[in-house]
Structure formats: structure tokens, C-alpha cells
């Protein structure tokens, strides 16, 4: 997780997107888990694995914003997922 000024800058960027009309349009009418899988699809071209989805869903239900979730999964990307992010 980001800390200090890095966290503030990262959260400002992702929170601005989460509150944008584009995000609202893309995610309108979806359940939390569907929104989270959509973030995985946009980021990595696949859905979240069930265990990861349960972990992050719980985190969001306990106060982590969807925007912070998106930032955290990007920062924690591994293997093929990090390659995909590096080539966006």
C-alpha cells in the first residue's frame, strides 16, 4: 500500500476518476463484485480470481473505496498482469 505523500497523490488521481461521469457511466447498475471484475477486465483482461475477489470485496465493504481498490491491484500486479499494465 502507498503511504505518506505517495498515498495522497495516488488517491487524488483515482478518486477523481471514481467520481467522474465516465466511471459512473461505465459502472452504472453493476453490483460491487461486477464493478470489481470490470476493473480487473479494464486492467488485466480477465476477471478477479474468486479468493481475490472475496478479499477485496470485503475490504471495500469495510471502507476501502473502489478507487483505492483499483490502485492497490495495479500496484500489486504480478506476472502477466504487470506486463499488461506496463504495455498500456
C-alpha atoms as a PDB file:
ATOM      1  CA  UNK A   1       0.000   0.000   0.000  1.00  0.00           C
ATOM      2  CA  UNK A   2       1.069   3.547  -0.588  1.00  0.00           C
ATOM      3  CA  UNK A   3       1.934   5.701   2.389  1.00  0.00           C
ATOM      4  CA  UNK A   4       2.505   9.390   3.044  1.00  0.00           C
ATOM      5  CA  UNK A   5       2.531  11.816   0.130  1.00  0.00           C
ATOM      6  CA  UNK A   6       2.516   8.940  -2.392  1.00  0.00           C
ATOM      7  CA  UNK A   7      -0.798   7.768  -0.971  1.00  0.00           C
ATOM      8  CA  UNK A   8      -2.251  11.254  -1.127  1.00  0.00           C
ATOM      9  CA  UNK A   9      -1.261  11.775  -4.758  1.00  0.00           C
ATOM     10  CA  UNK A  10      -2.382   8.310  -5.841  1.00  0.00           C
ATOM     11  CA  UNK A  11      -5.679   8.566  -4.021  1.00  0.00           C
ATOM     12  CA  UNK A  12      -6.391  12.004  -5.519  1.00  0.00           C
ATOM     13  CA  UNK A  13      -5.985  10.651  -9.027  1.00  0.00           C
ATOM     14  CA  UNK A  14      -8.042   7.505  -8.584  1.00  0.00           C
ATOM     15  CA  UNK A  15     -10.734   9.258  -6.546  1.00  0.00           C
ATOM     16  CA  UNK A  16     -11.116  11.841  -9.318  1.00  0.00           C
ATOM     17  CA  UNK A  17     -11.733   9.028 -11.794  1.00  0.00           C
ATOM     18  CA  UNK A  18     -14.091   7.164  -9.457  1.00  0.00           C
ATOM     19  CA  UNK A  19     -16.229  10.304  -9.195  1.00  0.00           C
ATOM     20  CA  UNK A  20     -16.096  11.106 -12.918  1.00  0.00           C
ATOM     21  CA  UNK A  21     -19.080  10.908 -15.248  1.00  0.00           C
ATOM     22  CA  UNK A  22     -17.126   8.369 -17.346  1.00  0.00           C
ATOM     23  CA  UNK A  23     -16.729   5.972 -14.424  1.00  0.00           C
ATOM     24  CA  UNK A  24     -20.337   6.483 -13.380  1.00  0.00           C
ATOM     25  CA  UNK A  25     -21.454   5.648 -16.925  1.00  0.00           C
ATOM     26  CA  UNK A  26     -19.190   2.574 -17.244  1.00  0.00           C
ATOM     27  CA  UNK A  27     -20.138   1.085 -13.875  1.00  0.00           C
ATOM     28  CA  UNK A  28     -23.786   2.141 -13.572  1.00  0.00           C
ATOM     29  CA  UNK A  29     -26.142  -0.570 -12.399  1.00  0.00           C
ATOM     30  CA  UNK A  30     -23.429  -3.104 -11.543  1.00  0.00           C
ATOM     31  CA  UNK A  31     -23.078  -4.881  -8.212  1.00  0.00           C
ATOM     32  CA  UNK A  32     -19.911  -4.303  -6.202  1.00  0.00           C
ATOM     33  CA  UNK A  33     -18.407  -7.594  -7.390  1.00  0.00           C
ATOM     34  CA  UNK A  34     -19.318  -6.805 -11.004  1.00  0.00           C
ATOM     35  CA  UNK A  35     -17.658  -3.392 -10.671  1.00  0.00           C
ATOM     36  CA  UNK A  36     -14.551  -5.013  -9.237  1.00  0.00           C
ATOM     37  CA  UNK A  37     -14.427  -7.572 -12.042  1.00  0.00           C
ATOM     38  CA  UNK A  38     -14.859  -4.743 -14.530  1.00  0.00           C
ATOM     39  CA  UNK A  39     -11.790  -3.039 -13.030  1.00  0.00           C
ATOM     40  CA  UNK A  40      -9.888  -6.325 -13.487  1.00  0.00           C
ATOM     41  CA  UNK A  41     -11.150  -6.580 -17.085  1.00  0.00           C
ATOM     42  CA  UNK A  42     -10.080  -2.994 -17.870  1.00  0.00           C
ATOM     43  CA  UNK A  43      -6.701  -3.530 -16.201  1.00  0.00           C
ATOM     44  CA  UNK A  44      -5.752  -7.129 -16.969  1.00  0.00           C
ATOM     45  CA  UNK A  45      -8.270  -8.514 -19.488  1.00  0.00           C
ATOM     46  CA  UNK A  46      -9.642 -11.095 -17.027  1.00  0.00           C
ATOM     47  CA  UNK A  47     -11.913 -11.329 -14.005  1.00  0.00           C
ATOM     48  CA  UNK A  48     -10.544 -11.453 -10.482  1.00  0.00           C
ATOM     49  CA  UNK A  49      -9.902 -14.908  -9.071  1.00  0.00           C
ATOM     50  CA  UNK A  50     -12.590 -15.902  -6.538  1.00  0.00           C
ATOM     51  CA  UNK A  51     -10.310 -15.661  -3.498  1.00  0.00           C
ATOM     52  CA  UNK A  52      -9.005 -12.256  -4.503  1.00  0.00           C
ATOM     53  CA  UNK A  53     -12.491 -11.003  -5.277  1.00  0.00           C
ATOM     54  CA  UNK A  54     -13.689 -12.114  -1.832  1.00  0.00           C
ATOM     55  CA  UNK A  55     -10.700 -10.441  -0.134  1.00  0.00           C
ATOM     56  CA  UNK A  56     -11.056  -7.129  -1.963  1.00  0.00           C
ATOM     57  CA  UNK A  57     -14.847  -7.144  -1.773  1.00  0.00           C
ATOM     58  CA  UNK A  58     -14.575  -7.427   1.990  1.00  0.00           C
ATOM     59  CA  UNK A  59     -12.038  -4.589   2.065  1.00  0.00           C
ATOM     60  CA  UNK A  60     -14.336  -2.321   0.034  1.00  0.00           C
ATOM     61  CA  UNK A  61     -17.311  -3.214   2.205  1.00  0.00           C
ATOM     62  CA  UNK A  62     -15.196  -2.198   5.218  1.00  0.00           C
ATOM     63  CA  UNK A  63     -14.203   1.242   3.966  1.00  0.00           C
ATOM     64  CA  UNK A  64     -11.712   0.941   1.097  1.00  0.00           C
ATOM     65  CA  UNK A  65     -13.025   2.912  -1.862  1.00  0.00           C
ATOM     66  CA  UNK A  66     -13.409   1.275  -5.247  1.00  0.00           C
ATOM     67  CA  UNK A  67     -10.817   3.752  -6.497  1.00  0.00           C
ATOM     68  CA  UNK A  68      -8.338   2.710  -3.814  1.00  0.00           C
ATOM     69  CA  UNK A  69      -9.025  -0.932  -4.712  1.00  0.00           C
ATOM     70  CA  UNK A  70      -8.149  -0.207  -8.345  1.00  0.00           C
ATOM     71  CA  UNK A  71      -4.914   1.490  -7.345  1.00  0.00           C
ATOM     72  CA  UNK A  72      -3.946  -1.323  -4.985  1.00  0.00           C
ATOM     73  CA  UNK A  73      -4.483  -4.067  -7.546  1.00  0.00           C
ATOM     74  CA  UNK A  74      -2.411  -2.136 -10.067  1.00  0.00           C
ATOM     75  CA  UNK A  75       0.384  -1.680  -7.531  1.00  0.00           C
ATOM     76  CA  UNK A  76       0.245  -5.364  -6.625  1.00  0.00           C
ATOM     77  CA  UNK A  77       0.153  -6.693 -10.184  1.00  0.00           C
ATOM     78  CA  UNK A  78       2.352  -9.714 -10.817  1.00  0.00           C
ATOM     79  CA  UNK A  79       3.377 -11.993 -13.659  1.00  0.00           C
ATOM     80  CA  UNK A  80       1.333 -11.484 -16.847  1.00  0.00           C
ATOM     81  CA  UNK A  81      -0.785  -8.772 -15.201  1.00  0.00           C
ATOM     82  CA  UNK A  82       2.196  -6.485 -14.641  1.00  0.00           C
ATOM     83  CA  UNK A  83       3.268  -6.990 -18.248  1.00  0.00           C
ATOM     84  CA  UNK A  84      -0.205  -5.925 -19.404  1.00  0.00           C
ATOM     85  CA  UNK A  85      -0.084  -2.784 -17.232  1.00  0.00           C
ATOM     86  CA  UNK A  86       3.377  -1.897 -18.490  1.00  0.00           C
ATOM     87  CA  UNK A  87       2.118  -2.030 -22.076  1.00  0.00           C
ATOM     88  CA  UNK A  88      -0.991   0.121 -21.634  1.00  0.00           C
END
